[in-house]
Amino acid sequence: MRLRRRAHTVRVPGFRFAGVRCGLKTRGPDVALIASDRPAVAAGVFTTNRVTAAPVQVSRRRIEGGVASAVLVNSGNANACTGAGGRRVVEASTGLAARLLGVPAERVLACSTGRIGMPIPPGVLLAGVEKAAAALSPAGFADAAHAIMTTDAFPKTAVRRLRLGGRPVTVAALGKGAGMIAPDMATLLVFVVTDARIGCGAAARALRAAVDASFNVITVDGDMSTNDTVLLLANGAAGGRAPSGPREYARFARAVADVLQEIARLVVADGEGSSKVVEVTVRGARTDADAARVARAVASSTLCKAAFAGGDPNWGRFTCAAGTAGVPVDADRTTVVIGDVTVARRGRPIAGTLPRARRHMQGRHVRIALDLGLGRGVARMLTSDLTTEYVHFNAAYTT
């Protein structure tokens, strides 16, 4: 059974939000608008897929200026593989949003999510832009979170509050993602908004590090999208000074990382039919990079994900998957722990441990750890199980 979760009700000083319906999806709101009352420092991380959607192409260029005033998002149509016509739709819709908000068009970023390869009906989207601009409200955060959903079972939001530069600061995130989830980046749209005063370089560093520690260490099905985008907008409405030293910057960066890690866990928990969140930890690799490759191999293995679904403590399957990572792995040195139960030590099973390990694997949250016994490298990855519901869900995808 898929989870249900309500969006946070939060206000971020200097930001207004809207989520409205224009008809791009068969039901529910499908256009969101995020607007800053003042120009905001902006940073972004985009898909590494070489096939990119029109809004990614436009937003990647515009964010080079480091300033944004708004983000326009539509769900129900990815506007990907749509050629020059798709780019014209982005230019027209963001241009309309800019005129309605009284800001330069180059400061309006765009994102889309939904079916790939379908032309987006411009008239429908433009009507949605007008409706969203009229609905903008400081209290519209949850509405925007609902409007960006496609196959999501629930909205994904997170909030942190801290003191920065002597002032109270809010860092909030709203995101969407459930399927087509793979590292570098996972298939999703996520927007971090904050009233903190922060410089462009510091914002970009914090966002890049937070993405590496969140969306680049999760996988659901190994597929990467054309539209993946994570944006951070910081409008400085809290006042005060920018972080004046490494400790203050670290507090800001930690808050950004916290909200993105919370969104990442919710993405895996949603997982288009998944029934478990599985944490795979690898220790004892020669390097952290080697550990990351092994963790990804285990987390992405179809056989391992089937074992997660069935609650099968098949530690040999996990060790086998580790050996496919293309880095040094020695089965005779590998120890496997399921939950708190060591089921195999240095490649040999421990008698009587599987019943307890099986009970752990039948829970909603599962922990698998491998110690390769080769060095000090450590890595972690979150994944989901593979269920029949996932197959049925994606055999007839609709929005």
Protein backbone atom coordinates (compact mmCIF):
# COMPACT_ATOMS: atom_id res chain seq x y z
CA MET A 1 0.00 0.00 0.00
CA ARG A 2 1.39 3.42 -0.94
CA LEU A 3 1.99 6.02 1.73
CA ARG A 4 -0.11 9.11 2.25
CA ARG A 5 1.41 12.30 3.57
CA ARG A 6 0.18 15.86 3.81
CA ALA A 7 2.23 18.82 2.61
CA HIS A 8 3.69 21.20 5.16
CA THR A 9 1.87 24.46 5.74
CA VAL A 10 4.68 27.00 5.79
CA ARG A 11 5.36 30.59 4.89
CA VAL A 12 8.77 31.71 3.69
CA PRO A 13 9.18 35.51 4.00
CA GLY A 14 9.35 37.23 0.63
CA PHE A 15 7.96 34.29 -1.35
CA ARG A 16 4.49 33.62 -2.79
CA PHE A 17 3.23 30.33 -4.19
CA ALA A 18 0.37 29.04 -6.30
CA GLY A 19 -0.89 25.71 -7.56
CA VAL A 20 -3.77 25.65 -10.05
CA ARG A 21 -5.42 23.38 -12.59
CA CYS A 22 -5.28 24.14 -16.32
CA GLY A 23 -5.99 20.71 -17.82
CA LEU A 24 -2.59 19.27 -18.70
CA LYS A 25 -3.34 16.31 -16.40
CA THR A 26 -6.50 14.27 -16.33
CA ARG A 27 -7.19 15.46 -12.80
CA GLY A 28 -5.75 17.69 -10.10
CA PRO A 29 -3.68 20.90 -10.19
CA ASP A 30 -0.96 20.97 -12.82
CA VAL A 31 0.64 24.44 -12.88
CA ALA A 32 2.71 25.83 -10.01
CA LEU A 33 4.31 29.23 -9.68
CA ILE A 34 6.91 30.29 -7.12
CA ALA A 35 7.60 34.02 -6.99
CA SER A 36 10.07 36.02 -4.95
CA ASP A 37 9.12 39.58 -4.04
CA ARG A 38 12.72 40.62 -4.66
CA PRO A 39 15.42 39.23 -6.96
CA ALA A 40 16.81 36.06 -5.38
CA VAL A 41 20.22 34.47 -5.54
CA ALA A 42 19.72 31.31 -7.59
CA ALA A 43 21.61 28.06 -8.01
CA GLY A 44 20.67 24.87 -9.82
CA VAL A 45 21.65 21.29 -10.52
CA PHE A 46 20.25 19.55 -13.60
CA THR A 47 20.00 16.10 -15.13
CA THR A 48 23.13 14.47 -16.52
CA ASN A 49 21.05 12.78 -19.22
CA ARG A 50 22.30 13.95 -22.62
CA VAL A 51 18.70 14.13 -23.81
CA THR A 52 17.32 17.18 -22.01
CA ALA A 53 13.86 18.70 -21.97
CA ALA A 54 13.20 22.20 -23.32
CA PRO A 55 12.76 23.77 -19.84
CA VAL A 56 16.09 22.31 -18.72
CA GLN A 57 17.82 23.83 -21.73
CA VAL A 58 16.33 27.26 -21.05
CA SER A 59 16.73 27.24 -17.26
CA ARG A 60 20.32 25.96 -17.38
CA ARG A 61 21.24 28.98 -19.50
CA ARG A 62 19.27 31.50 -17.48
CA ILE A 63 20.60 30.43 -14.10
CA GLU A 64 24.13 31.22 -15.17
CA GLY A 65 23.31 34.80 -14.16
CA GLY A 66 22.88 33.68 -10.55
CA VAL A 67 19.62 35.60 -10.08
CA ALA A 68 15.97 34.55 -10.41
CA SER A 69 12.60 36.03 -9.55
CA ALA A 70 10.28 33.09 -10.22
CA VAL A 71 9.96 29.43 -11.12
CA LEU A 72 7.15 28.23 -13.39
CA VAL A 73 6.37 24.50 -13.22
CA ASN A 74 3.89 22.40 -15.14
CA SER A 75 3.05 18.74 -14.57
CA GLY A 76 1.34 16.33 -16.94
CA ASN A 77 3.69 16.99 -19.86
CA ALA A 78 7.50 16.85 -19.74
CA ASN A 79 7.97 19.09 -22.82
CA ALA A 80 10.88 16.77 -23.68
CA CYS A 81 11.89 15.56 -27.15
CA THR A 82 9.72 18.35 -28.54
CA GLY A 83 12.39 20.27 -30.47
CA ALA A 84 12.25 23.98 -31.24
CA GLY A 85 8.49 24.04 -30.65
CA GLY A 86 9.02 22.96 -27.06
CA ARG A 87 11.55 25.72 -26.48
CA ARG A 88 9.13 28.27 -27.95
CA VAL A 89 6.50 27.15 -25.44
CA VAL A 90 8.99 27.70 -22.60
CA GLU A 91 9.87 31.16 -23.90
CA ALA A 92 6.18 32.10 -24.30
CA SER A 93 5.03 30.80 -20.92
CA THR A 94 7.90 32.29 -18.94
CA GLY A 95 7.55 35.53 -20.89
CA LEU A 96 3.90 35.74 -19.87
CA ALA A 97 4.77 34.98 -16.25
CA ALA A 98 7.45 37.68 -16.34
CA ARG A 99 5.01 40.30 -17.67
CA LEU A 100 2.42 39.42 -15.05
CA LEU A 101 5.03 39.62 -12.27
CA GLY A 102 6.80 42.70 -13.64
CA VAL A 103 10.22 41.05 -13.88
CA PRO A 104 12.64 40.32 -16.74
CA ALA A 105 11.89 37.11 -18.63
CA GLU A 106 15.48 35.93 -18.12
CA ARG A 107 14.75 35.75 -14.39
CA VAL A 108 11.90 33.26 -14.73
CA LEU A 109 13.04 29.63 -14.62
CA ALA A 110 10.94 26.79 -16.01
CA CYS A 111 10.43 23.12 -15.18
CA SER A 112 8.13 20.44 -16.58
CA THR A 113 7.27 16.87 -15.64
CA GLY A 114 5.05 14.22 -17.19
CA ARG A 115 4.94 12.31 -20.46
CA ILE A 116 8.00 12.53 -22.69
CA GLY A 117 7.63 13.11 -26.43
CA MET A 118 4.24 14.84 -26.41
CA PRO A 119 3.89 18.44 -27.68
CA ILE A 120 2.66 20.70 -24.91
CA PRO A 121 -0.53 22.62 -25.84
CA PRO A 122 0.59 26.25 -25.53
CA GLY A 123 -2.86 27.76 -25.08
CA VAL A 124 -3.65 25.47 -22.18
CA LEU A 125 -0.36 26.25 -20.43
CA LEU A 126 -0.65 30.01 -20.97
CA ALA A 127 -4.12 29.99 -19.44
CA GLY A 128 -2.61 28.15 -16.47
CA VAL A 129 0.11 30.78 -16.11
CA GLU A 130 -2.47 33.55 -15.90
CA LYS A 131 -4.49 31.60 -13.36
CA ALA A 132 -1.41 30.83 -11.25
CA ALA A 133 -0.21 34.42 -11.23
CA ALA A 134 -3.62 35.55 -10.00
CA ALA A 135 -3.58 32.91 -7.25
CA LEU A 136 -0.15 33.73 -5.81
CA SER A 137 -0.19 33.85 -2.01
CA PRO A 138 2.31 33.62 0.86
CA ALA A 139 0.11 30.75 2.08
CA GLY A 140 0.21 28.79 -1.20
CA PHE A 141 3.18 26.52 -0.45
CA ALA A 142 1.09 23.33 -0.11
CA ASP A 143 -0.90 24.18 -3.25
CA ALA A 144 2.32 24.41 -5.27
CA ALA A 145 3.55 21.10 -3.80
CA HIS A 146 0.39 19.37 -5.01
CA ALA A 147 0.51 20.95 -8.47
CA ILE A 148 3.95 19.54 -9.35
CA MET A 149 2.93 15.91 -8.65
CA THR A 150 2.55 13.33 -11.44
CA THR A 151 2.73 9.69 -10.36
CA ASP A 152 3.46 10.73 -6.78
CA ALA A 153 1.21 9.23 -4.11
CA PHE A 154 1.72 12.25 -1.86
CA PRO A 155 3.33 15.72 -1.86
CA LYS A 156 6.93 15.92 -0.66
CA THR A 157 7.88 18.90 1.50
CA ALA A 158 10.43 19.65 4.23
CA VAL A 159 11.19 22.65 6.44
CA ARG A 160 14.08 23.70 8.68
CA ARG A 161 14.43 26.85 10.75
CA LEU A 162 17.66 28.30 12.09
CA ARG A 163 19.39 31.54 13.03
CA LEU A 164 21.77 33.00 10.49
CA GLY A 165 23.44 36.38 10.51
CA GLY A 166 21.68 37.13 13.79
CA ARG A 167 18.20 36.62 12.26
CA PRO A 168 15.67 33.75 12.16
CA VAL A 169 15.77 32.03 8.77
CA THR A 170 13.49 29.49 7.06
CA VAL A 171 14.71 26.88 4.59
CA ALA A 172 11.83 25.02 2.90
CA ALA A 173 11.71 22.52 0.06
CA LEU A 174 8.97 21.09 -2.13
CA GLY A 175 9.57 18.30 -4.58
CA LYS A 176 8.15 15.52 -6.70
CA GLY A 177 9.47 12.11 -7.66
CA ALA A 178 8.48 8.46 -7.41
CA GLY A 179 9.61 6.58 -10.53
CA MET A 180 12.51 6.89 -12.98
CA ILE A 181 14.84 7.34 -10.01
CA ALA A 182 18.59 6.90 -10.48
CA PRO A 183 21.66 8.72 -9.19
CA ASP A 184 23.23 11.72 -10.98
CA MET A 185 20.45 12.89 -10.52
CA ALA A 186 17.33 11.07 -9.51
CA THR A 187 14.26 11.78 -11.61
CA LEU A 188 12.62 14.62 -9.79
CA LEU A 189 11.91 18.30 -9.48
CA VAL A 190 12.83 19.96 -6.19
CA PHE A 191 12.77 23.61 -5.19
CA VAL A 192 14.47 25.03 -2.09
CA VAL A 193 13.35 28.50 -1.05
CA THR A 194 14.86 30.48 1.79
CA ASP A 195 14.84 34.01 3.13
CA ALA A 196 18.52 33.70 4.04
CA ARG A 197 21.04 36.20 2.76
CA ILE A 198 23.68 34.17 0.98
CA GLY A 199 26.12 34.77 -1.86
CA CYS A 200 25.88 33.05 -5.25
CA GLY A 201 29.02 31.00 -4.78
CA ALA A 202 28.06 29.85 -1.29
CA ALA A 203 24.54 28.94 -2.44
CA ALA A 204 25.86 26.90 -5.35
CA ARG A 205 28.38 25.04 -3.17
CA ALA A 206 25.75 24.23 -0.55
CA LEU A 207 23.29 22.97 -3.17
CA ARG A 208 25.85 20.84 -4.99
CA ALA A 209 27.00 19.20 -1.74
CA ALA A 210 23.40 18.63 -0.61
CA VAL A 211 22.46 16.98 -3.92
CA ASP A 212 25.50 14.70 -3.74
CA ALA A 213 24.43 13.58 -0.25
CA SER A 214 20.75 13.10 -1.15
CA PHE A 215 19.55 12.61 -4.72
CA ASN A 216 22.83 11.14 -5.92
CA VAL A 217 22.63 8.29 -3.40
CA ILE A 218 19.11 7.02 -4.09
CA THR A 219 17.71 4.66 -6.70
CA VAL A 220 14.30 3.15 -7.37
CA ASP A 221 14.50 1.70 -10.86
CA GLY A 222 17.79 2.89 -12.36
CA ASP A 223 16.17 5.10 -15.00
CA MET A 224 17.20 8.72 -15.42
CA SER A 225 14.90 11.44 -16.71
CA THR A 226 15.24 14.23 -19.24
CA ASN A 227 13.88 16.83 -16.80
CA ASP A 228 15.66 16.44 -13.44
CA THR A 229 16.11 19.83 -11.80
CA VAL A 230 16.93 21.02 -8.28
CA LEU A 231 16.82 24.79 -7.74
CA LEU A 232 17.69 26.96 -4.74
CA LEU A 233 16.37 30.52 -4.42
CA ALA A 234 17.57 32.73 -1.56
CA ASN A 235 15.97 36.18 -1.45
CA GLY A 236 17.62 37.66 1.66
CA ALA A 237 14.29 38.84 3.11
CA ALA A 238 15.41 37.77 6.59
CA GLY A 239 17.88 40.65 6.58
CA GLY A 240 21.01 40.54 8.67
CA ARG A 241 24.36 39.66 7.21
CA ALA A 242 25.48 36.85 5.00
CA PRO A 243 27.28 33.97 6.79
CA SER A 244 30.43 35.56 8.15
CA GLY A 245 32.47 32.44 8.74
CA PRO A 246 32.70 28.70 8.23
CA ARG A 247 30.42 27.90 11.18
CA GLU A 248 27.54 30.03 9.93
CA TYR A 249 27.96 28.73 6.39
CA ALA A 250 27.99 25.18 7.74
CA ARG A 251 24.65 25.80 9.51
CA PHE A 252 23.11 27.02 6.27
CA ALA A 253 24.56 24.15 4.25
CA ARG A 254 23.35 21.65 6.86
CA ALA A 255 19.80 23.02 6.66
CA VAL A 256 19.81 22.71 2.85
CA ALA A 257 21.19 19.18 3.10
CA ASP A 258 18.60 18.23 5.73
CA VAL A 259 15.60 19.27 3.63
CA LEU A 260 16.94 17.58 0.51
CA GLN A 261 17.72 14.37 2.37
CA GLU A 262 14.19 14.36 3.76
CA ILE A 263 12.75 14.81 0.26
CA ALA A 264 15.05 12.07 -1.06
CA ARG A 265 13.83 9.58 1.55
CA LEU A 266 10.22 10.45 0.71
CA VAL A 267 10.92 9.84 -2.99
CA VAL A 268 12.23 6.35 -2.23
CA ALA A 269 9.36 5.66 0.17
CA ASP A 270 6.88 6.57 -2.59
CA GLY A 271 8.62 4.52 -5.27
CA GLU A 272 5.60 3.82 -7.53
CA GLY A 273 4.43 0.70 -5.72
CA SER A 274 7.38 0.09 -3.42
CA SER A 275 6.69 -1.40 -0.01
CA LYS A 276 10.07 -0.81 1.64
CA VAL A 277 12.85 1.72 2.03
CA VAL A 278 16.18 -0.09 2.01
CA GLU A 279 19.42 1.45 3.27
CA VAL A 280 22.52 -0.20 1.80
CA THR A 281 25.77 0.63 3.61
CA VAL A 282 29.18 -0.50 2.38
CA ARG A 283 32.26 -0.31 4.58
CA GLY A 284 35.77 -1.60 4.26
CA ALA A 285 36.23 -0.79 0.57
CA ARG A 286 39.60 0.43 -0.63
CA THR A 287 38.19 3.91 -1.27
CA ASP A 288 34.94 5.79 -0.76
CA ALA A 289 34.45 5.75 -4.53
CA ASP A 290 34.75 1.95 -4.56
CA ALA A 291 32.27 1.72 -1.69
CA ALA A 292 29.82 3.90 -3.61
CA ARG A 293 30.03 1.67 -6.68
CA VAL A 294 29.37 -1.44 -4.60
CA ALA A 295 26.45 0.20 -2.76
CA ARG A 296 24.94 1.20 -6.10
CA ALA A 297 25.39 -2.31 -7.51
CA VAL A 298 23.53 -3.88 -4.60
CA ALA A 299 20.85 -1.19 -4.48
CA SER A 300 20.20 -1.40 -8.23
CA SER A 301 20.25 -5.18 -8.63
CA THR A 302 16.90 -6.53 -9.80
CA LEU A 303 17.52 -9.77 -7.91
CA CYS A 304 18.37 -7.94 -4.69
CA LYS A 305 15.33 -5.70 -5.04
CA ALA A 306 13.16 -8.81 -5.52
CA ALA A 307 14.67 -10.25 -2.33
CA PHE A 308 13.84 -7.02 -0.51
CA ALA A 309 10.24 -7.31 -1.70
CA GLY A 310 9.97 -10.91 -0.53
CA GLY A 311 11.71 -10.33 2.79
CA ASP A 312 14.33 -12.91 1.82
CA PRO A 313 17.64 -12.57 3.77
CA ASN A 314 19.61 -13.87 0.80
CA TRP A 315 23.02 -12.56 1.77
CA GLY A 316 24.74 -14.48 -1.02
CA ARG A 317 22.71 -12.50 -3.54
CA PHE A 318 23.93 -9.25 -1.96
CA THR A 319 27.56 -10.42 -2.11
CA CYS A 320 27.10 -11.52 -5.71
CA ALA A 321 25.78 -8.07 -6.66
CA ALA A 322 28.75 -6.44 -4.93
CA GLY A 323 31.05 -8.40 -7.20
CA THR A 324 29.53 -6.78 -10.31
CA ALA A 325 30.61 -3.27 -9.31
CA GLY A 326 33.91 -3.41 -11.17
CA VAL A 327 36.03 -2.70 -8.08
CA PRO A 328 38.01 -5.02 -5.76
CA VAL A 329 35.69 -7.35 -3.79
CA ASP A 330 36.78 -10.58 -2.09
CA ALA A 331 33.95 -12.86 -0.98
CA ASP A 332 36.26 -14.54 1.56
CA ARG A 333 36.72 -11.19 3.33
CA THR A 334 33.13 -9.92 3.11
CA THR A 335 30.86 -9.72 6.14
CA VAL A 336 27.10 -9.16 5.69
CA VAL A 337 24.77 -7.68 8.32
CA ILE A 338 20.99 -7.52 7.94
CA GLY A 339 19.46 -5.13 10.45
CA ASP A 340 21.51 -5.88 13.58
CA VAL A 341 22.10 -9.52 12.65
CA THR A 342 25.45 -10.65 11.24
CA VAL A 343 24.41 -13.42 8.83
CA ALA A 344 27.82 -14.07 7.24
CA ARG A 345 31.34 -13.34 8.43
CA ARG A 346 34.29 -13.39 6.04
CA GLY A 347 32.25 -15.20 3.43
CA ARG A 348 30.87 -17.90 5.70
CA PRO A 349 27.25 -18.18 6.93
CA ILE A 350 26.51 -17.98 10.63
CA ALA A 351 24.16 -20.73 11.71
CA GLY A 352 20.77 -19.82 13.19
CA THR A 353 20.78 -16.15 12.12
CA LEU A 354 18.42 -16.18 9.14
CA PRO A 355 15.09 -16.27 11.04
CA ARG A 356 15.93 -13.04 12.86
CA ALA A 357 17.26 -11.46 9.68
CA ARG A 358 14.06 -12.45 7.86
CA ARG A 359 11.92 -10.71 10.49
CA HIS A 360 13.91 -7.52 9.95
CA MET A 361 13.54 -7.72 6.18
CA GLN A 362 9.77 -8.05 6.44
CA GLY A 363 9.54 -4.55 7.93
CA ARG A 364 8.97 -1.27 6.11
CA HIS A 365 12.55 -0.02 6.72
CA VAL A 366 15.38 -2.44 5.93
CA ARG A 367 19.11 -2.08 6.58
CA ILE A 368 21.74 -4.06 4.68
CA ALA A 369 25.46 -3.62 5.42
CA LEU A 370 28.49 -5.15 3.74
CA ASP A 371 32.02 -4.89 5.14
CA LEU A 372 34.45 -5.75 2.36
CA GLY A 373 37.46 -5.98 4.68
CA LEU A 374 39.79 -4.25 2.23
CA GLY A 375 40.20 -0.69 3.51
CA ARG A 376 38.43 2.32 4.97
CA GLY A 377 36.07 3.33 2.18
CA VAL A 378 32.45 3.94 3.20
CA ALA A 379 29.27 4.76 1.25
CA ARG A 380 25.51 4.58 1.67
CA MET A 381 22.58 4.40 -0.73
CA LEU A 382 18.80 4.34 -0.34
CA THR A 383 16.70 2.13 -2.58
CA SER A 384 13.27 0.51 -2.73
CA ASP A 385 12.04 -2.99 -3.35
CA LEU A 386 10.66 -4.24 -6.68
CA THR A 387 7.00 -5.18 -6.49
CA THR A 388 4.41 -6.36 -8.98
CA GLU A 389 2.59 -3.08 -8.37
CA TYR A 390 5.58 -1.19 -9.84
CA VAL A 391 5.32 -3.24 -13.04
CA HIS A 392 1.56 -2.75 -13.35
CA PHE A 393 1.92 0.95 -12.54
CA ASN A 394 4.44 1.58 -15.32
CA ALA A 395 2.84 -0.70 -17.88
CA ALA A 396 0.09 1.89 -18.35
CA TYR A 397 1.41 5.23 -17.14
CA THR A 398 -1.10 8.08 -17.16
CA THR A 399 -1.23 11.48 -15.53
